[in-house]
Amino acid sequence: MLRGLVHRLVPLGFASTLALSAIAACDGAGSAPPTIEVTSEQLKPGGVYITYVTGCEKGCDQLGRGDLVLELNGQPVTSAKDLRVSQIATGQPVKLKVQKKSGQVVDVEIVATPSDKLPPIKDAPPFWSVGAADLDKAPQWARRNLFGHASLMIMLMNMDGGSTDGRQMAGKKRLILFWDWATREEQAQAANMLRVLQMARDDLQNSGVDIMFTHITFPSNNLGDGTPRVRPMNDSGLRDWEKTNGLPDKGPLPTYRFPNATEYQASRELGLEGATTYQQYLRQAPAIVLLDEDGIIRWHSEGIQAPPAGDELAGKGKDDQWTIIQAIEFAKKSL
């Protein structure tokens, strides 16, 4: 259904500006961003991949991001559901068999109770995790630096009022599209992806996935002294831009932007990654981030990916549409 609707997007504007290659760099953004160490080979042993350690009364200092939990009290584990708070945060000793990133398999005994250290998250577990097989579903090109992390540190403003941070993103599946408008190519990409998301909104909602259409300034949009080449839009500008470039019968998407100097509060840039902020990992527009209901980043792509030979959109100047469609299909079926 979605594929058929995409064919009518090209006449709606911007398409003539597209001359995109696979993961193309945009105006000085540099070469394609590197992938990270979360590889299929690393996940091959199965089990549950640890994405972030909150801490506990005993044993959590022996765990780290990238470890694979293979067994819980002698029983094999394969998904985050196998390690819910009710099983591991009872205040009683729990024995884990863990494969470290080095490949060494060790036994770790932990004692944990639900944590209140991360408001507004209630009853936080001693560590966040995702099934290794589930994490391994993402294509290689959607495994950038945030892939496999817990909810990113962030503070964003809703176009219609209010703010959100990384911790507030946990508990709901999300498709976040970070986009910029510094070049004609980026404007084309953002407009086309907006329309695809408008058409897919109902299907995503039926799958329990919220859209966050998010306008930020990328490093490529920089004059070299920290001043953006093209300044970000305010709320009024975003509304006008969506009205001009979106599908008139579909209405605006839930739209966010980076806070301005008056709105920004460092204490609200919260997440689950210590001092690490999302800005350090978004280099090339557009960037797509998919989070599952536990706040685990299961997809992080940057730039545009060309469709493979034989795909119905290959060679038709619709690479940006193909890229966002892949993210939508993953969000619907694999989050």
Protein backbone atom coordinates (compact mmCIF):
# COMPACT_ATOMS: atom_id res chain seq x y z
CA MET A 1 0.00 0.00 0.00
CA LEU A 2 2.71 2.47 0.97
CA ARG A 3 4.85 1.68 -2.06
CA GLY A 4 1.99 2.45 -4.42
CA LEU A 5 1.36 5.82 -2.82
CA VAL A 6 5.02 6.80 -2.97
CA HIS A 7 4.95 6.97 -6.76
CA ARG A 8 2.83 10.13 -6.64
CA LEU A 9 5.33 12.05 -4.51
CA VAL A 10 7.77 13.10 -7.22
CA PRO A 11 5.49 15.62 -8.97
CA LEU A 12 4.83 17.34 -5.63
CA GLY A 13 8.09 19.28 -5.84
CA PHE A 14 11.79 19.15 -5.00
CA ALA A 15 12.32 15.90 -6.88
CA SER A 16 14.21 17.65 -9.68
CA THR A 17 16.86 18.66 -7.18
CA LEU A 18 17.69 15.08 -6.22
CA ALA A 19 20.96 13.63 -7.40
CA LEU A 20 21.72 11.32 -4.52
CA SER A 21 24.15 8.44 -4.16
CA ALA A 22 24.23 5.79 -1.45
CA ILE A 23 24.78 7.52 1.88
CA ALA A 24 25.89 10.65 0.05
CA ALA A 25 27.72 13.40 1.88
CA CYS A 26 25.98 16.79 1.93
CA ASP A 27 27.95 20.00 1.48
CA GLY A 28 31.04 19.22 3.49
CA ALA A 29 29.55 16.61 5.79
CA GLY A 30 32.48 14.41 4.88
CA SER A 31 32.60 10.72 4.20
CA ALA A 32 29.94 8.27 5.30
CA PRO A 33 29.73 7.88 9.09
CA PRO A 34 31.36 4.72 10.43
CA THR A 35 29.50 1.79 11.84
CA ILE A 36 30.26 0.69 15.40
CA GLU A 37 31.32 -2.47 17.15
CA VAL A 38 27.85 -4.01 17.53
CA THR A 39 28.28 -6.56 14.75
CA SER A 40 26.44 -9.74 13.84
CA GLU A 41 29.54 -11.67 14.85
CA GLN A 42 29.45 -10.09 18.31
CA LEU A 43 25.75 -10.95 18.70
CA LYS A 44 26.12 -14.46 17.30
CA PRO A 45 26.27 -16.20 20.73
CA GLY A 46 22.69 -15.04 21.34
CA GLY A 47 21.44 -14.19 24.78
CA VAL A 48 20.60 -10.66 25.85
CA TYR A 49 22.76 -7.65 24.99
CA ILE A 50 23.34 -5.11 27.78
CA THR A 51 22.90 -1.53 26.56
CA TYR A 52 23.23 0.45 29.80
CA VAL A 53 23.94 -0.39 33.45
CA THR A 54 21.99 1.57 36.06
CA GLY A 55 23.63 -0.09 39.06
CA CYS A 56 22.55 -2.34 41.89
CA GLU A 57 23.38 -3.40 45.44
CA LYS A 58 25.83 -6.09 44.34
CA GLY A 59 27.47 -7.28 41.15
CA CYS A 60 26.54 -4.59 38.60
CA ASP A 61 30.11 -3.28 38.64
CA GLN A 62 31.02 -6.52 36.86
CA LEU A 63 28.63 -5.77 33.98
CA GLY A 64 29.07 -3.36 31.10
CA ARG A 65 27.53 -2.23 27.84
CA GLY A 66 28.21 -4.86 25.20
CA ASP A 67 28.12 -7.85 27.54
CA LEU A 68 25.82 -10.73 26.61
CA VAL A 69 23.73 -12.32 29.36
CA LEU A 70 23.38 -15.98 28.38
CA GLU A 71 21.64 -17.48 31.42
CA LEU A 72 19.55 -16.38 34.40
CA ASN A 73 19.72 -18.80 37.35
CA GLY A 74 20.80 -21.56 35.00
CA GLN A 75 18.07 -20.94 32.41
CA PRO A 76 18.89 -19.61 28.92
CA VAL A 77 17.61 -16.09 28.14
CA THR A 78 16.88 -14.71 24.69
CA SER A 79 14.95 -11.46 25.15
CA ALA A 80 14.62 -8.44 27.40
CA LYS A 81 11.33 -9.91 28.61
CA ASP A 82 13.32 -12.72 30.20
CA LEU A 83 15.09 -10.14 32.38
CA ARG A 84 12.21 -7.96 33.57
CA VAL A 85 12.39 -6.23 36.94
CA SER A 86 10.18 -8.88 38.50
CA GLN A 87 12.86 -11.50 37.88
CA ILE A 88 16.12 -9.69 38.52
CA ALA A 89 15.25 -6.84 40.90
CA THR A 90 13.70 -8.71 43.81
CA GLY A 91 16.42 -7.98 46.37
CA GLN A 92 17.45 -11.64 46.23
CA PRO A 93 20.69 -13.00 44.71
CA VAL A 94 20.42 -13.74 40.99
CA LYS A 95 23.08 -15.71 39.13
CA LEU A 96 23.92 -14.64 35.58
CA LYS A 97 26.16 -16.33 33.03
CA VAL A 98 27.69 -13.51 31.00
CA GLN A 99 29.87 -13.41 27.91
CA LYS A 100 32.13 -10.37 28.06
CA LYS A 101 33.12 -8.40 24.97
CA SER A 102 36.46 -10.19 25.09
CA GLY A 103 34.63 -13.50 24.58
CA GLN A 104 35.31 -14.71 28.13
CA VAL A 105 32.30 -16.32 29.83
CA VAL A 106 31.97 -15.50 33.53
CA ASP A 107 29.47 -16.06 36.33
CA VAL A 108 28.14 -12.90 37.98
CA GLU A 109 25.87 -12.78 41.02
CA ILE A 110 23.82 -9.62 41.39
CA VAL A 111 21.45 -8.32 44.04
CA ALA A 112 19.11 -5.59 42.81
CA THR A 113 15.95 -3.72 43.69
CA PRO A 114 13.98 -1.39 41.39
CA SER A 115 15.69 2.01 41.18
CA ASP A 116 14.16 5.49 41.47
CA LYS A 117 17.35 7.24 40.30
CA LEU A 118 16.05 8.08 36.83
CA PRO A 119 12.78 10.04 37.07
CA PRO A 120 10.30 9.98 35.43
CA ILE A 121 11.15 6.30 34.82
CA LYS A 122 9.66 4.27 37.66
CA ASP A 123 11.19 1.07 38.99
CA ALA A 124 14.23 1.19 36.72
CA PRO A 125 16.01 -2.17 36.29
CA PRO A 126 19.67 -2.69 37.20
CA PHE A 127 20.50 -2.68 33.50
CA TRP A 128 18.76 -2.10 30.18
CA SER A 129 18.93 -4.91 27.65
CA VAL A 130 17.67 -6.22 24.32
CA GLY A 131 17.67 -9.71 22.84
CA ALA A 132 20.78 -10.23 20.71
CA ALA A 133 18.69 -11.77 17.92
CA ASP A 134 16.29 -8.80 18.00
CA LEU A 135 19.14 -6.27 17.88
CA ASP A 136 20.68 -8.12 14.96
CA LYS A 137 17.63 -7.54 12.74
CA ALA A 138 18.69 -4.05 11.65
CA PRO A 139 20.50 -3.80 8.29
CA GLN A 140 24.20 -2.98 8.45
CA TRP A 141 23.67 0.53 7.06
CA ALA A 142 21.33 1.31 9.97
CA ARG A 143 23.99 0.60 12.61
CA ARG A 144 25.63 3.95 13.27
CA ASN A 145 27.10 5.10 16.56
CA LEU A 146 23.91 5.07 18.62
CA PHE A 147 22.87 1.59 17.50
CA GLY A 148 22.44 -0.61 20.57
CA HIS A 149 22.46 2.24 23.09
CA ALA A 150 19.79 2.98 25.65
CA SER A 151 17.64 6.11 25.34
CA LEU A 152 19.79 8.98 24.13
CA MET A 153 20.40 12.19 26.08
CA ILE A 154 18.30 14.88 24.47
CA MET A 155 16.02 17.86 25.00
CA LEU A 156 13.54 18.76 22.26
CA MET A 157 10.70 21.25 21.96
CA ASN A 158 7.33 20.27 20.50
CA MET A 159 6.14 22.62 17.76
CA ASP A 160 2.76 22.77 19.51
CA GLY A 161 4.20 23.40 22.99
CA GLY A 162 6.07 21.52 25.68
CA SER A 163 9.40 19.73 25.78
CA THR A 164 10.60 16.15 25.97
CA ASP A 165 13.84 14.43 26.95
CA GLY A 166 15.41 11.02 26.43
CA ARG A 167 14.01 9.46 29.57
CA GLN A 168 10.49 10.44 28.57
CA MET A 169 10.97 8.47 25.35
CA ALA A 170 11.20 5.15 27.19
CA GLY A 171 7.96 3.16 27.36
CA LYS A 172 6.86 3.83 23.79
CA LYS A 173 8.08 2.70 20.37
CA ARG A 174 9.30 5.68 18.36
CA LEU A 175 10.44 6.60 14.87
CA ILE A 176 12.52 9.78 15.07
CA LEU A 177 13.57 11.53 11.87
CA PHE A 178 16.23 14.19 12.44
CA TRP A 179 16.39 16.51 9.41
CA ASP A 180 17.94 19.81 8.32
CA TRP A 181 17.22 22.22 5.46
CA ALA A 182 20.62 23.79 4.77
CA THR A 183 20.83 22.60 1.14
CA ARG A 184 18.38 21.97 -1.66
CA GLU A 185 19.11 18.26 -1.36
CA GLU A 186 18.27 18.29 2.35
CA GLN A 187 15.09 20.26 1.66
CA ALA A 188 14.09 17.66 -0.95
CA GLN A 189 14.83 14.79 1.40
CA ALA A 190 12.91 16.32 4.29
CA ALA A 191 9.88 17.14 2.11
CA ASN A 192 9.69 13.70 0.55
CA MET A 193 10.18 11.92 3.87
CA LEU A 194 7.51 14.14 5.44
CA ARG A 195 5.00 12.95 2.85
CA VAL A 196 5.92 9.30 3.20
CA LEU A 197 5.54 9.55 6.98
CA GLN A 198 2.20 11.31 6.60
CA MET A 199 0.95 8.40 4.50
CA ALA A 200 2.38 5.82 6.91
CA ARG A 201 1.18 7.50 10.10
CA ASP A 202 -1.96 5.38 10.57
CA ASP A 203 -0.08 2.12 9.98
CA LEU A 204 2.63 3.16 12.45
CA GLN A 205 0.07 4.16 15.06
CA ASN A 206 -1.69 0.81 14.63
CA SER A 207 1.68 -0.83 15.33
CA GLY A 208 2.14 1.28 18.48
CA VAL A 209 4.85 3.51 16.99
CA ASP A 210 4.93 7.29 17.56
CA ILE A 211 6.50 9.61 14.96
CA MET A 212 8.83 12.43 16.01
CA PHE A 213 9.58 14.63 12.97
CA THR A 214 12.55 16.59 14.33
CA HIS A 215 14.25 19.66 12.85
CA ILE A 216 17.83 20.24 14.04
CA THR A 217 21.03 21.83 12.74
CA PHE A 218 23.62 19.31 11.54
CA PRO A 219 27.40 19.86 11.47
CA SER A 220 27.31 20.22 7.68
CA ASN A 221 25.16 23.33 8.18
CA ASN A 222 28.05 25.30 9.64
CA LEU A 223 30.13 28.24 8.43
CA GLY A 224 33.11 27.02 10.44
CA ASP A 225 32.72 29.28 13.47
CA GLY A 226 29.67 27.56 14.93
CA THR A 227 27.25 29.82 13.03
CA PRO A 228 24.72 27.87 10.93
CA ARG A 229 24.70 28.56 7.19
CA VAL A 230 20.91 28.37 7.26
CA ARG A 231 19.31 29.10 10.61
CA PRO A 232 16.79 26.64 12.07
CA MET A 233 13.09 27.38 11.82
CA ASN A 234 10.94 28.48 14.74
CA ASP A 235 7.49 27.00 15.41
CA SER A 236 5.71 29.32 12.99
CA GLY A 237 8.26 28.59 10.30
CA LEU A 238 7.87 24.85 10.81
CA ARG A 239 4.08 25.07 10.53
CA ASP A 240 4.35 27.07 7.30
CA TRP A 241 6.99 24.71 5.90
CA GLU A 242 4.88 21.62 6.59
CA LYS A 243 1.79 23.27 5.14
CA THR A 244 3.70 24.11 1.96
CA ASN A 245 5.51 20.80 1.54
CA GLY A 246 3.21 18.23 3.14
CA LEU A 247 0.16 16.42 1.80
CA PRO A 248 -2.76 18.80 2.37
CA ASP A 249 -5.22 16.02 3.24
CA LYS A 250 -2.96 14.40 5.86
CA GLY A 251 -2.27 17.17 8.36
CA PRO A 252 1.01 17.98 10.16
CA LEU A 253 3.14 15.37 11.90
CA PRO A 254 4.12 15.54 15.59
CA THR A 255 7.00 17.97 15.02
CA TYR A 256 9.95 18.84 17.26
CA ARG A 257 12.97 21.13 17.13
CA PHE A 258 16.09 21.83 19.14
CA PRO A 259 15.48 24.42 21.91
CA ASN A 260 16.71 27.97 21.42
CA ALA A 261 19.07 29.67 23.87
CA THR A 262 16.21 30.85 26.08
CA GLU A 263 14.46 27.47 26.21
CA TYR A 264 17.50 25.26 26.66
CA GLN A 265 18.10 23.79 30.12
CA ALA A 266 21.12 21.53 30.55
CA SER A 267 19.37 19.76 33.42
CA ARG A 268 16.61 18.68 31.03
CA GLU A 269 18.95 17.09 28.50
CA LEU A 270 18.39 13.70 30.06
CA GLY A 271 18.79 10.15 28.91
CA LEU A 272 20.62 6.97 29.86
CA GLU A 273 24.09 7.56 28.47
CA GLY A 274 25.96 9.52 31.11
CA ALA A 275 27.64 12.60 29.62
CA THR A 276 26.98 11.50 26.04
CA THR A 277 24.57 13.68 24.06
CA TYR A 278 22.88 12.83 20.80
CA GLN A 279 24.54 15.78 19.03
CA GLN A 280 27.87 13.95 19.05
CA TYR A 281 26.36 11.18 16.94
CA LEU A 282 24.25 12.98 14.33
CA ARG A 283 26.59 14.17 11.61
CA GLN A 284 24.78 13.75 8.34
CA ALA A 285 21.18 14.63 7.49
CA PRO A 286 18.76 12.97 7.46
CA ALA A 287 19.27 10.69 10.47
CA ILE A 288 16.70 8.08 11.48
CA VAL A 289 16.53 6.65 15.00
CA LEU A 290 14.11 3.88 16.00
CA LEU A 291 13.56 3.10 19.68
CA ASP A 292 11.72 0.09 21.04
CA GLU A 293 9.42 0.29 24.07
CA ASP A 294 12.37 -0.19 26.42
CA GLY A 295 14.10 2.86 24.98
CA ILE A 296 16.75 0.84 23.13
CA ILE A 297 18.00 2.29 19.84
CA ARG A 298 17.40 -0.50 17.35
CA TRP A 299 18.11 1.54 14.21
CA HIS A 300 20.40 4.52 13.64
CA SER A 301 21.01 5.49 10.02
CA GLU A 302 22.49 8.66 8.58
CA GLY A 303 22.23 9.99 5.06
CA ILE A 304 20.49 8.28 2.16
CA GLN A 305 20.81 4.63 1.16
CA ALA A 306 20.35 3.61 -2.48
CA PRO A 307 17.83 0.82 -3.09
CA PRO A 308 19.35 -2.46 -4.26
CA ALA A 309 19.26 -3.41 -7.92
CA GLY A 310 15.91 -4.83 -8.86
CA ASP A 311 13.93 -2.83 -6.29
CA GLU A 312 10.97 -0.98 -7.82
CA LEU A 313 12.42 2.37 -6.67
CA ALA A 314 15.99 1.70 -7.86
CA GLY A 315 17.29 4.26 -10.35
CA LYS A 316 14.22 6.46 -10.13
CA GLY A 317 15.61 9.32 -8.03
CA LYS A 318 13.62 8.19 -5.00
CA ASP A 319 16.44 7.00 -2.76
CA ASP A 320 15.24 9.16 0.14
CA GLN A 321 11.77 7.64 -0.08
CA TRP A 322 13.21 4.11 -0.17
CA THR A 323 15.33 4.88 2.92
CA ILE A 324 12.44 6.09 5.07
CA ILE A 325 10.21 3.24 3.83
CA GLN A 326 12.78 0.72 5.11
CA ALA A 327 12.71 2.40 8.52
CA ILE A 328 8.91 2.41 8.55
CA GLU A 329 8.70 -1.27 7.66
CA PHE A 330 11.25 -2.13 10.36
CA ALA A 331 9.33 -0.06 12.93
CA LYS A 332 6.08 -1.83 12.05
CA LYS A 333 7.43 -5.38 12.00
CA SER A 334 10.61 -5.60 14.07
CA LEU A 335 10.51 -3.11 16.97
